[in-house]
């Protein structure tokens, strides 16, 4: 978001996501795949560019 000079409020408006989802993203908490796909559309990127999978080592 910083690279694109986009504030959290702008992202919620452009990506059509609720502010709660944006807050969860800022706190590195899980969000739905739908939210991630909307963000990818805004930034014209692949989902791997905005998130990563970290496996638990049990």
C-alpha atoms as a PDB file:
ATOM      1  CA  UNK A   1       0.000   0.000   0.000  1.00  0.00           C
ATOM      2  CA  UNK A   2       2.844   2.356   0.832  1.00  0.00           C
ATOM      3  CA  UNK A   3       4.502   1.810  -2.551  1.00  0.00           C
ATOM      4  CA  UNK A   4       1.224   2.733  -4.246  1.00  0.00           C
ATOM      5  CA  UNK A   5       0.600   5.707  -1.918  1.00  0.00           C
ATOM      6  CA  UNK A   6      -2.691   4.172  -0.821  1.00  0.00           C
ATOM      7  CA  UNK A   7      -4.133   4.688   2.639  1.00  0.00           C
ATOM      8  CA  UNK A   8      -6.201   2.069   4.441  1.00  0.00           C
ATOM      9  CA  UNK A   9      -9.420   4.026   3.898  1.00  0.00           C
ATOM     10  CA  UNK A  10      -8.662   4.298   0.186  1.00  0.00           C
ATOM     11  CA  UNK A  11      -8.017   0.571  -0.055  1.00  0.00           C
ATOM     12  CA  UNK A  12     -11.321  -0.283   1.629  1.00  0.00           C
ATOM     13  CA  UNK A  13     -13.156   1.992  -0.795  1.00  0.00           C
ATOM     14  CA  UNK A  14     -11.385   0.886  -3.990  1.00  0.00           C
ATOM     15  CA  UNK A  15     -11.288  -2.841  -3.173  1.00  0.00           C
ATOM     16  CA  UNK A  16     -14.826  -2.726  -1.747  1.00  0.00           C
ATOM     17  CA  UNK A  17     -13.837  -4.443   1.487  1.00  0.00           C
ATOM     18  CA  UNK A  18     -15.002  -3.627   4.999  1.00  0.00           C
ATOM     19  CA  UNK A  19     -12.726  -1.666   7.300  1.00  0.00           C
ATOM     20  CA  UNK A  20     -12.598  -4.636   9.696  1.00  0.00           C
ATOM     21  CA  UNK A  21     -10.814  -6.680   7.005  1.00  0.00           C
ATOM     22  CA  UNK A  22      -8.293  -3.886   6.451  1.00  0.00           C
ATOM     23  CA  UNK A  23      -7.661  -3.745  10.197  1.00  0.00           C
ATOM     24  CA  UNK A  24      -7.055  -7.505  10.266  1.00  0.00           C
ATOM     25  CA  UNK A  25      -4.571  -7.159   7.407  1.00  0.00           C
ATOM     26  CA  UNK A  26      -2.672  -4.455   9.291  1.00  0.00           C
ATOM     27  CA  UNK A  27      -2.476  -6.762  12.319  1.00  0.00           C
ATOM     28  CA  UNK A  28      -1.270  -9.716  10.191  1.00  0.00           C
ATOM     29  CA  UNK A  29      -4.420 -11.661  11.034  1.00  0.00           C
ATOM     30  CA  UNK A  30      -6.185 -14.063   8.647  1.00  0.00           C
ATOM     31  CA  UNK A  31      -8.681 -12.684   6.126  1.00  0.00           C
ATOM     32  CA  UNK A  32     -10.847 -14.441   3.580  1.00  0.00           C
ATOM     33  CA  UNK A  33      -9.668 -15.434   0.140  1.00  0.00           C
ATOM     34  CA  UNK A  34     -12.331 -13.125  -1.295  1.00  0.00           C
ATOM     35  CA  UNK A  35     -10.692 -10.134   0.411  1.00  0.00           C
ATOM     36  CA  UNK A  36      -7.257 -11.144  -0.869  1.00  0.00           C
ATOM     37  CA  UNK A  37      -8.543 -11.509  -4.425  1.00  0.00           C
ATOM     38  CA  UNK A  38     -10.137  -8.064  -4.306  1.00  0.00           C
ATOM     39  CA  UNK A  39      -6.831  -6.578  -3.179  1.00  0.00           C
ATOM     40  CA  UNK A  40      -5.040  -8.394  -6.012  1.00  0.00           C
ATOM     41  CA  UNK A  41      -7.437  -6.795  -8.483  1.00  0.00           C
ATOM     42  CA  UNK A  42      -6.689  -3.340  -7.111  1.00  0.00           C
ATOM     43  CA  UNK A  43      -2.905  -3.796  -7.295  1.00  0.00           C
ATOM     44  CA  UNK A  44      -2.949  -5.901 -10.506  1.00  0.00           C
ATOM     45  CA  UNK A  45      -0.868  -8.609  -8.870  1.00  0.00           C
ATOM     46  CA  UNK A  46      -0.866 -12.317  -8.065  1.00  0.00           C
ATOM     47  CA  UNK A  47      -1.985 -13.576  -4.664  1.00  0.00           C
ATOM     48  CA  UNK A  48       1.579 -14.759  -3.970  1.00  0.00           C
ATOM     49  CA  UNK A  49       2.710 -11.144  -4.173  1.00  0.00           C
ATOM     50  CA  UNK A  50       0.598 -10.111  -1.178  1.00  0.00           C
ATOM     51  CA  UNK A  51       0.668 -13.164   1.098  1.00  0.00           C
ATOM     52  CA  UNK A  52       2.630 -16.259   2.008  1.00  0.00           C
ATOM     53  CA  UNK A  53       1.859 -19.601   3.611  1.00  0.00           C
ATOM     54  CA  UNK A  54       3.668 -20.371   6.845  1.00  0.00           C
ATOM     55  CA  UNK A  55       3.252 -23.959   7.955  1.00  0.00           C
ATOM     56  CA  UNK A  56       3.151 -24.925  11.613  1.00  0.00           C
ATOM     57  CA  UNK A  57       5.870 -27.320  12.684  1.00  0.00           C
ATOM     58  CA  UNK A  58       4.029 -29.769  14.954  1.00  0.00           C
END
